[in-house]
C-alpha atoms as a PDB file:
ATOM      1  CA  MET A   1      39.927  39.135 -55.588  1.00  0.00           C
ATOM      2  CA  LEU A   2      37.691  42.065 -56.460  1.00  0.00           C
ATOM      3  CA  PRO A   3      36.485  44.514 -53.773  1.00  0.00           C
ATOM      4  CA  GLU A   4      33.122  43.413 -52.352  1.00  0.00           C
ATOM      5  CA  PRO A   5      31.150  46.411 -53.741  1.00  0.00           C
ATOM      6  CA  VAL A   6      32.557  45.765 -57.223  1.00  0.00           C
ATOM      7  CA  ALA A   7      31.834  42.035 -56.958  1.00  0.00           C
ATOM      8  CA  TYR A   8      28.228  42.677 -55.850  1.00  0.00           C
ATOM      9  CA  ALA A   9      27.617  45.239 -58.585  1.00  0.00           C
ATOM     10  CA  SER A  10      29.097  42.914 -61.201  1.00  0.00           C
ATOM     11  CA  ARG A  11      26.821  40.032 -60.191  1.00  0.00           C
ATOM     12  CA  PHE A  12      23.548  41.870 -59.595  1.00  0.00           C
ATOM     13  CA  TRP A  13      23.356  45.149 -61.554  1.00  0.00           C
ATOM     14  CA  ILE A  14      21.240  43.664 -64.349  1.00  0.00           C
ATOM     15  CA  GLU A  15      18.952  41.952 -61.837  1.00  0.00           C
ATOM     16  CA  HIS A  16      18.333  45.324 -60.146  1.00  0.00           C
ATOM     17  CA  VAL A  17      17.657  46.998 -63.503  1.00  0.00           C
ATOM     18  CA  CYS A  18      15.122  44.323 -64.433  1.00  0.00           C
ATOM     19  CA  LEU A  19      13.270  44.839 -61.130  1.00  0.00           C
ATOM     20  CA  ILE A  20      12.596  48.517 -61.918  1.00  0.00           C
ATOM     21  CA  THR A  21       8.870  48.991 -62.532  1.00  0.00           C
ATOM     22  CA  ASP A  22       8.823  52.765 -63.208  1.00  0.00           C
ATOM     23  CA  VAL A  23      11.568  52.998 -65.818  1.00  0.00           C
ATOM     24  CA  PRO A  24      13.118  56.486 -65.889  1.00  0.00           C
ATOM     25  CA  ASP A  25      13.717  58.272 -69.179  1.00  0.00           C
ATOM     26  CA  GLY A  26      17.128  57.612 -70.609  1.00  0.00           C
ATOM     27  CA  LEU A  27      17.783  54.356 -68.730  1.00  0.00           C
ATOM     28  CA  GLY A  28      18.155  52.406 -71.954  1.00  0.00           C
ATOM     29  CA  GLY A  29      20.711  54.876 -73.240  1.00  0.00           C
ATOM     30  CA  VAL A  30      22.715  54.682 -70.022  1.00  0.00           C
ATOM     31  CA  ILE A  31      22.749  50.883 -70.116  1.00  0.00           C
ATOM     32  CA  LEU A  32      23.688  50.825 -73.791  1.00  0.00           C
ATOM     33  CA  SER A  33      26.503  53.291 -73.126  1.00  0.00           C
ATOM     34  CA  PHE A  34      27.800  51.107 -70.276  1.00  0.00           C
ATOM     35  CA  MET A  35      27.638  47.978 -72.430  1.00  0.00           C
ATOM     36  CA  ARG A  36      29.502  49.642 -75.297  1.00  0.00           C
ATOM     37  CA  GLU A  37      32.247  50.797 -72.937  1.00  0.00           C
ATOM     38  CA  HIS A  38      32.524  47.981 -70.401  1.00  0.00           C
ATOM     39  CA  LEU A  39      30.819  44.788 -71.625  1.00  0.00           C
ATOM     40  CA  LEU A  40      34.054  42.828 -71.987  1.00  0.00           C
ATOM     41  CA  HIS A  41      35.437  44.236 -68.720  1.00  0.00           C
ATOM     42  CA  TRP A  42      32.288  42.948 -66.965  1.00  0.00           C
ATOM     43  CA  MET A  43      32.720  39.500 -68.513  1.00  0.00           C
ATOM     44  CA  GLU A  44      36.346  39.465 -67.378  1.00  0.00           C
ATOM     45  CA  ALA A  45      35.337  40.370 -63.813  1.00  0.00           C
ATOM     46  CA  LEU A  46      32.757  37.578 -63.489  1.00  0.00           C
ATOM     47  CA  ALA A  47      35.086  35.036 -65.074  1.00  0.00           C
ATOM     48  CA  ILE A  48      37.774  35.963 -62.537  1.00  0.00           C
ATOM     49  CA  MET A  49      35.145  35.515 -59.784  1.00  0.00           C
ATOM     50  CA  LYS A  50      34.379  31.998 -61.140  1.00  0.00           C
ATOM     51  CA  SER A  51      30.811  33.190 -61.770  1.00  0.00           C
ATOM     52  CA  TYR A  52      30.862  33.448 -65.545  1.00  0.00           C
ATOM     53  CA  HIS A  53      27.454  31.719 -65.822  1.00  0.00           C
ATOM     54  CA  VAL A  54      25.950  34.907 -64.308  1.00  0.00           C
ATOM     55  CA  VAL A  55      26.887  36.696 -67.551  1.00  0.00           C
ATOM     56  CA  ILE A  56      24.660  34.442 -69.651  1.00  0.00           C
ATOM     57  CA  GLN A  57      21.800  34.442 -67.117  1.00  0.00           C
ATOM     58  CA  SER A  58      21.865  38.236 -66.684  1.00  0.00           C
ATOM     59  CA  LEU A  59      22.035  39.000 -70.394  1.00  0.00           C
ATOM     60  CA  SER A  60      19.050  36.721 -70.949  1.00  0.00           C
ATOM     61  CA  MET A  61      17.066  38.823 -68.449  1.00  0.00           C
ATOM     62  CA  LEU A  62      18.016  42.022 -70.249  1.00  0.00           C
ATOM     63  CA  LEU A  63      17.124  40.858 -73.759  1.00  0.00           C
ATOM     64  CA  ASN A  64      13.722  42.533 -73.775  1.00  0.00           C
ATOM     65  CA  LYS A  65      15.156  45.930 -72.813  1.00  0.00           C
ATOM     66  CA  LEU A  66      17.984  46.277 -75.311  1.00  0.00           C
ATOM     67  CA  TYR A  67      17.196  43.499 -77.737  1.00  0.00           C
ATOM     68  CA  HIS A  68      19.536  43.937 -80.667  1.00  0.00           C
ATOM     69  CA  PHE A  69      22.755  44.798 -78.862  1.00  0.00           C
ATOM     70  CA  VAL A  70      22.133  42.519 -75.913  1.00  0.00           C
ATOM     71  CA  ASN A  71      21.068  39.659 -78.199  1.00  0.00           C
ATOM     72  CA  ASP A  72      24.432  39.975 -79.904  1.00  0.00           C
ATOM     73  CA  ALA A  73      26.191  40.041 -76.520  1.00  0.00           C
ATOM     74  CA  HIS A  74      24.180  37.001 -75.407  1.00  0.00           C
ATOM     75  CA  ARG A  75      25.254  35.019 -78.478  1.00  0.00           C
ATOM     76  CA  PHE A  76      28.871  36.107 -77.915  1.00  0.00           C
ATOM     77  CA  ALA A  77      28.739  35.035 -74.251  1.00  0.00           C
ATOM     78  CA  GLN A  78      27.278  31.620 -75.098  1.00  0.00           C
ATOM     79  CA  TYR A  79      29.358  30.899 -78.172  1.00  0.00           C
ATOM     80  CA  PHE A  80      32.686  31.737 -76.531  1.00  0.00           C
ATOM     81  CA  SER A  81      31.830  30.654 -72.966  1.00  0.00           C
ATOM     82  CA  ASN A  82      34.496  27.943 -72.756  1.00  0.00           C
ATOM     83  CA  THR A  83      37.191  30.205 -74.218  1.00  0.00           C
ATOM     84  CA  ILE A  84      36.385  33.113 -71.905  1.00  0.00           C
ATOM     85  CA  GLU A  85      36.173  30.954 -68.784  1.00  0.00           C
ATOM     86  CA  GLU A  86      39.584  29.451 -69.529  1.00  0.00           C
ATOM     87  CA  HIS A  87      41.244  32.762 -70.524  1.00  0.00           C
ATOM     88  CA  PRO A  88      39.247  35.584 -68.881  1.00  0.00           C
ATOM     89  CA  LEU A  89      41.885  38.259 -69.531  1.00  0.00           C
ATOM     90  CA  LEU A  90      42.274  37.405 -73.211  1.00  0.00           C
ATOM     91  CA  ILE A  91      38.760  38.098 -74.508  1.00  0.00           C
ATOM     92  CA  TYR A  92      40.070  40.651 -76.999  1.00  0.00           C
ATOM     93  CA  ALA A  93      42.665  38.216 -78.370  1.00  0.00           C
ATOM     94  CA  THR A  94      40.962  34.808 -78.195  1.00  0.00           C
ATOM     95  CA  ALA A  95      37.249  35.510 -78.749  1.00  0.00           C
ATOM     96  CA  LEU A  96      36.698  38.896 -80.374  1.00  0.00           C
ATOM     97  CA  PRO A  97      38.771  38.274 -83.550  1.00  0.00           C
ATOM     98  CA  PHE A  98      36.670  35.162 -84.297  1.00  0.00           C
ATOM     99  CA  THR A  99      33.329  36.907 -83.716  1.00  0.00           C
ATOM    100  CA  PRO A 100      31.202  37.215 -86.891  1.00  0.00           C
ATOM    101  CA  HIS A 101      32.295  40.468 -88.516  1.00  0.00           C
ATOM    102  CA  GLY A 102      28.795  41.733 -89.214  1.00  0.00           C
ATOM    103  CA  THR A 103      27.697  41.668 -85.563  1.00  0.00           C
ATOM    104  CA  LEU A 104      27.320  44.685 -83.302  1.00  0.00           C
ATOM    105  CA  ILE A 105      29.794  43.196 -80.814  1.00  0.00           C
ATOM    106  CA  TYR A 106      32.527  42.965 -83.427  1.00  0.00           C
ATOM    107  CA  LYS A 107      31.814  46.400 -84.890  1.00  0.00           C
ATOM    108  CA  THR A 108      31.737  47.995 -81.440  1.00  0.00           C
ATOM    109  CA  PHE A 109      34.804  46.441 -79.825  1.00  0.00           C
ATOM    110  CA  HIS A 110      37.210  45.413 -82.562  1.00  0.00           C
ATOM    111  CA  HIS A 111      39.882  47.938 -83.525  1.00  0.00           C
ATOM    112  CA  ASP A 112      43.093  48.113 -85.545  1.00  0.00           C
ATOM    113  CA  ARG A 113      45.379  47.049 -82.690  1.00  0.00           C
ATOM    114  CA  LEU A 114      43.651  43.674 -82.319  1.00  0.00           C
ATOM    115  CA  PRO A 115      44.336  40.528 -84.374  1.00  0.00           C
ATOM    116  CA  LEU A 116      42.376  40.434 -87.627  1.00  0.00           C
ATOM    117  CA  VAL A 117      41.064  37.146 -89.013  1.00  0.00           C
ATOM    118  CA  VAL A 118      40.785  37.694 -92.762  1.00  0.00           C
ATOM    119  CA  SER A 119      39.041  34.471 -93.828  1.00  0.00           C
ATOM    120  CA  GLY A 120      36.884  31.702 -92.428  1.00  0.00           C
ATOM    121  CA  VAL A 121      34.779  33.946 -90.158  1.00  0.00           C
ATOM    122  CA  GLU A 122      31.047  34.302 -90.833  1.00  0.00           C
ATOM    123  CA  GLU A 123      29.232  37.617 -91.142  1.00  0.00           C
ATOM    124  CA  THR A 124      26.419  36.503 -88.827  1.00  0.00           C
ATOM    125  CA  TRP A 125      26.109  34.070 -85.943  1.00  0.00           C
ATOM    126  CA  PRO A 126      25.944  30.373 -86.927  1.00  0.00           C
ATOM    127  CA  PRO A 127      23.063  28.142 -85.754  1.00  0.00           C
ATOM    128  CA  LEU A 128      25.332  26.608 -83.078  1.00  0.00           C
ATOM    129  CA  LEU A 129      24.631  28.266 -79.716  1.00  0.00           C
ATOM    130  CA  GLN A 130      27.115  26.587 -77.398  1.00  0.00           C
ATOM    131  CA  VAL A 131      29.352  23.544 -76.948  1.00  0.00           C
ATOM    132  CA  ILE A 132      29.065  21.830 -73.543  1.00  0.00           C
ATOM    133  CA  HIS A 133      32.044  19.926 -72.167  1.00  0.00           C
ATOM    134  CA  GLY A 134      32.245  17.590 -69.175  1.00  0.00           C
ATOM    135  CA  HIS A 135      31.965  13.934 -70.156  1.00  0.00           C
ATOM    136  CA  ASN A 136      35.188  11.963 -70.427  1.00  0.00           C
ATOM    137  CA  ASP A 137      34.026   9.734 -73.279  1.00  0.00           C
ATOM    138  CA  ARG A 138      31.515   9.585 -76.132  1.00  0.00           C
ATOM    139  CA  VAL A 139      28.063  11.057 -75.438  1.00  0.00           C
ATOM    140  CA  ALA A 140      25.501   8.457 -76.524  1.00  0.00           C
ATOM    141  CA  SER A 141      22.174  10.076 -75.604  1.00  0.00           C
ATOM    142  CA  VAL A 142      20.784  13.520 -74.724  1.00  0.00           C
ATOM    143  CA  ALA A 143      17.317  14.879 -73.944  1.00  0.00           C
ATOM    144  CA  PHE A 144      15.701  18.189 -72.978  1.00  0.00           C
ATOM    145  CA  SER A 145      13.309  18.566 -70.075  1.00  0.00           C
ATOM    146  CA  LEU A 146       9.786  19.415 -71.217  1.00  0.00           C
ATOM    147  CA  ASP A 147      10.196  23.086 -70.199  1.00  0.00           C
ATOM    148  CA  GLY A 148      13.435  23.345 -72.177  1.00  0.00           C
ATOM    149  CA  MET A 149      15.419  24.515 -69.149  1.00  0.00           C
ATOM    150  CA  LYS A 150      17.555  21.413 -68.541  1.00  0.00           C
ATOM    151  CA  ILE A 151      19.498  18.869 -70.579  1.00  0.00           C
ATOM    152  CA  VAL A 152      20.324  15.325 -69.484  1.00  0.00           C
ATOM    153  CA  SER A 153      23.104  13.338 -71.136  1.00  0.00           C
ATOM    154  CA  GLY A 154      24.379   9.776 -70.951  1.00  0.00           C
ATOM    155  CA  SER A 155      27.894   8.764 -71.908  1.00  0.00           C
ATOM    156  CA  ASP A 156      30.325   5.933 -72.451  1.00  0.00           C
ATOM    157  CA  ASP A 157      32.066   7.245 -69.308  1.00  0.00           C
ATOM    158  CA  LYS A 158      29.218   5.428 -67.448  1.00  0.00           C
ATOM    159  CA  THR A 159      27.731   8.643 -66.024  1.00  0.00           C
ATOM    160  CA  VAL A 160      24.523  10.614 -66.416  1.00  0.00           C
ATOM    161  CA  ARG A 161      24.865  14.404 -66.228  1.00  0.00           C
ATOM    162  CA  VAL A 162      22.354  17.241 -65.881  1.00  0.00           C
ATOM    163  CA  TRP A 163      22.983  20.663 -67.413  1.00  0.00           C
ATOM    164  CA  ASP A 164      21.445  24.136 -67.435  1.00  0.00           C
ATOM    165  CA  ALA A 165      20.251  24.493 -71.039  1.00  0.00           C
ATOM    166  CA  LEU A 166      20.845  28.266 -71.013  1.00  0.00           C
ATOM    167  CA  THR A 167      24.324  28.507 -69.517  1.00  0.00           C
ATOM    168  CA  GLY A 168      25.712  25.013 -70.088  1.00  0.00           C
ATOM    169  CA  GLN A 169      26.585  24.814 -66.381  1.00  0.00           C
ATOM    170  CA  GLU A 170      26.485  21.357 -64.790  1.00  0.00           C
ATOM    171  CA  LEU A 171      23.690  21.395 -62.203  1.00  0.00           C
ATOM    172  CA  LEU A 172      24.532  18.221 -60.257  1.00  0.00           C
ATOM    173  CA  PRO A 173      27.538  16.009 -59.630  1.00  0.00           C
ATOM    174  CA  PRO A 174      27.704  13.186 -62.195  1.00  0.00           C
ATOM    175  CA  LEU A 175      25.050  10.522 -61.552  1.00  0.00           C
ATOM    176  CA  GLN A 176      27.061   7.353 -61.063  1.00  0.00           C
ATOM    177  CA  GLY A 177      25.883   3.767 -60.686  1.00  0.00           C
ATOM    178  CA  HIS A 178      25.926   2.111 -64.087  1.00  0.00           C
ATOM    179  CA  ASP A 179      28.756  -0.361 -64.662  1.00  0.00           C
ATOM    180  CA  GLU A 180      28.835   0.034 -68.444  1.00  0.00           C
ATOM    181  CA  TYR A 181      28.084   2.640 -71.122  1.00  0.00           C
ATOM    182  CA  VAL A 182      24.934   4.726 -70.602  1.00  0.00           C
ATOM    183  CA  THR A 183      23.046   4.370 -73.879  1.00  0.00           C
ATOM    184  CA  SER A 184      19.756   6.202 -73.316  1.00  0.00           C
ATOM    185  CA  VAL A 185      18.336   8.910 -71.032  1.00  0.00           C
ATOM    186  CA  ALA A 186      15.020  10.739 -70.655  1.00  0.00           C
ATOM    187  CA  PHE A 187      13.222  13.204 -68.365  1.00  0.00           C
ATOM    188  CA  SER A 188       9.820  12.446 -66.883  1.00  0.00           C
ATOM    189  CA  PRO A 189       7.038  14.750 -68.186  1.00  0.00           C
ATOM    190  CA  ASP A 190       7.090  16.766 -64.932  1.00  0.00           C
ATOM    191  CA  GLY A 191      10.878  17.126 -65.082  1.00  0.00           C
ATOM    192  CA  LEU A 192      11.355  15.659 -61.607  1.00  0.00           C
ATOM    193  CA  LYS A 193      12.823  12.288 -62.581  1.00  0.00           C
ATOM    194  CA  ILE A 194      15.407  10.946 -64.999  1.00  0.00           C
ATOM    195  CA  VAL A 195      15.564   7.420 -66.375  1.00  0.00           C
ATOM    196  CA  SER A 196      18.693   5.869 -67.864  1.00  0.00           C
ATOM    197  CA  GLY A 197      19.471   2.631 -69.676  1.00  0.00           C
ATOM    198  CA  SER A 198      22.868   1.009 -70.002  1.00  0.00           C
ATOM    199  CA  ASP A 199      24.960  -1.710 -71.568  1.00  0.00           C
ATOM    200  CA  ASP A 200      25.051  -3.222 -68.055  1.00  0.00           C
ATOM    201  CA  ASN A 201      21.501  -4.497 -68.881  1.00  0.00           C
ATOM    202  CA  THR A 202      19.860  -2.305 -66.197  1.00  0.00           C
ATOM    203  CA  ILE A 203      17.531   0.680 -66.008  1.00  0.00           C
ATOM    204  CA  ARG A 204      17.978   3.267 -63.274  1.00  0.00           C
ATOM    205  CA  VAL A 205      15.663   6.041 -62.069  1.00  0.00           C
ATOM    206  CA  TRP A 206      17.062   9.256 -60.579  1.00  0.00           C
ATOM    207  CA  ASP A 207      15.768  12.336 -58.772  1.00  0.00           C
ATOM    208  CA  ALA A 208      16.374  15.168 -61.263  1.00  0.00           C
ATOM    209  CA  LEU A 209      16.743  17.757 -58.484  1.00  0.00           C
ATOM    210  CA  THR A 210      19.123  15.938 -56.141  1.00  0.00           C
ATOM    211  CA  GLY A 211      20.715  13.258 -58.316  1.00  0.00           C
ATOM    212  CA  GLN A 212      19.791  10.526 -55.847  1.00  0.00           C
ATOM    213  CA  GLU A 213      18.841   7.112 -57.194  1.00  0.00           C
ATOM    214  CA  LEU A 214      15.146   6.568 -56.402  1.00  0.00           C
ATOM    215  CA  LEU A 215      14.868   2.805 -56.959  1.00  0.00           C
ATOM    216  CA  ALA A 216      17.058  -0.242 -56.931  1.00  0.00           C
ATOM    217  CA  PRO A 217      18.381  -0.971 -60.435  1.00  0.00           C
ATOM    218  CA  LEU A 218      15.632  -2.423 -62.636  1.00  0.00           C
ATOM    219  CA  GLU A 219      17.002  -5.778 -63.777  1.00  0.00           C
ATOM    220  CA  GLY A 220      15.622  -8.357 -66.160  1.00  0.00           C
ATOM    221  CA  HIS A 221      17.067  -7.686 -69.588  1.00  0.00           C
ATOM    222  CA  ASP A 222      19.565 -10.259 -70.861  1.00  0.00           C
ATOM    223  CA  GLU A 223      21.271  -7.797 -73.215  1.00  0.00           C
ATOM    224  CA  TYR A 224      21.998  -4.087 -73.543  1.00  0.00           C
ATOM    225  CA  VAL A 225      19.248  -1.555 -72.778  1.00  0.00           C
ATOM    226  CA  THR A 226      19.183   0.755 -75.809  1.00  0.00           C
ATOM    227  CA  SER A 227      16.072   2.876 -75.202  1.00  0.00           C
ATOM    228  CA  VAL A 228      14.172   4.245 -72.195  1.00  0.00           C
ATOM    229  CA  GLY A 229      11.210   6.558 -71.645  1.00  0.00           C
ATOM    230  CA  PHE A 230       8.450   7.527 -69.212  1.00  0.00           C
ATOM    231  CA  SER A 231       4.745   7.016 -69.766  1.00  0.00           C
ATOM    232  CA  PRO A 232       2.853  10.371 -70.029  1.00  0.00           C
END
């Protein structure tokens, strides 16, 4: 466990910086200096605290202040989130060597004593932002909420899951009720409800904030439900 002052500073320092309205001269330089020296240490600390999602959220807040370097750090945090969460003390060995070699993160933190990947690594970040894990079987359907902040997914594991689109963190326990594969999911236009269809021939409606089922299963189909959606 980290000392409480260190834990608090690790979680909230960027939030405090972003609340500053009268920005003092040189603040950007101080932050950039800290990031160049301690970015990976900070990621390690939050991963150890089981709060790694704070890294992605905080770096998103800071993007406007130190765009180029922090944008690179943000991509690094998203792209390697699963690796870093599983091996928080091995960032230099498991993530950094596979970072695109033309990025500021790689140029700043990689050195001769670290493993060098000589082929198969891009110079710039690929289009892929993040891989989200959680379902135990094939994912059959996904949808974004209208504001782009949440993702809903339906799977052959018979569950519906809701995710934070920025961090990839699961926001609710799995929504369970279907007896067969979940084939289709959708958010309501206001983002407050989720509808799902299944090979169990039913449609179910869920509260997107609590995960509670709002109605009894909608029954009537004689075969699989393959598509669902809300009216505007």
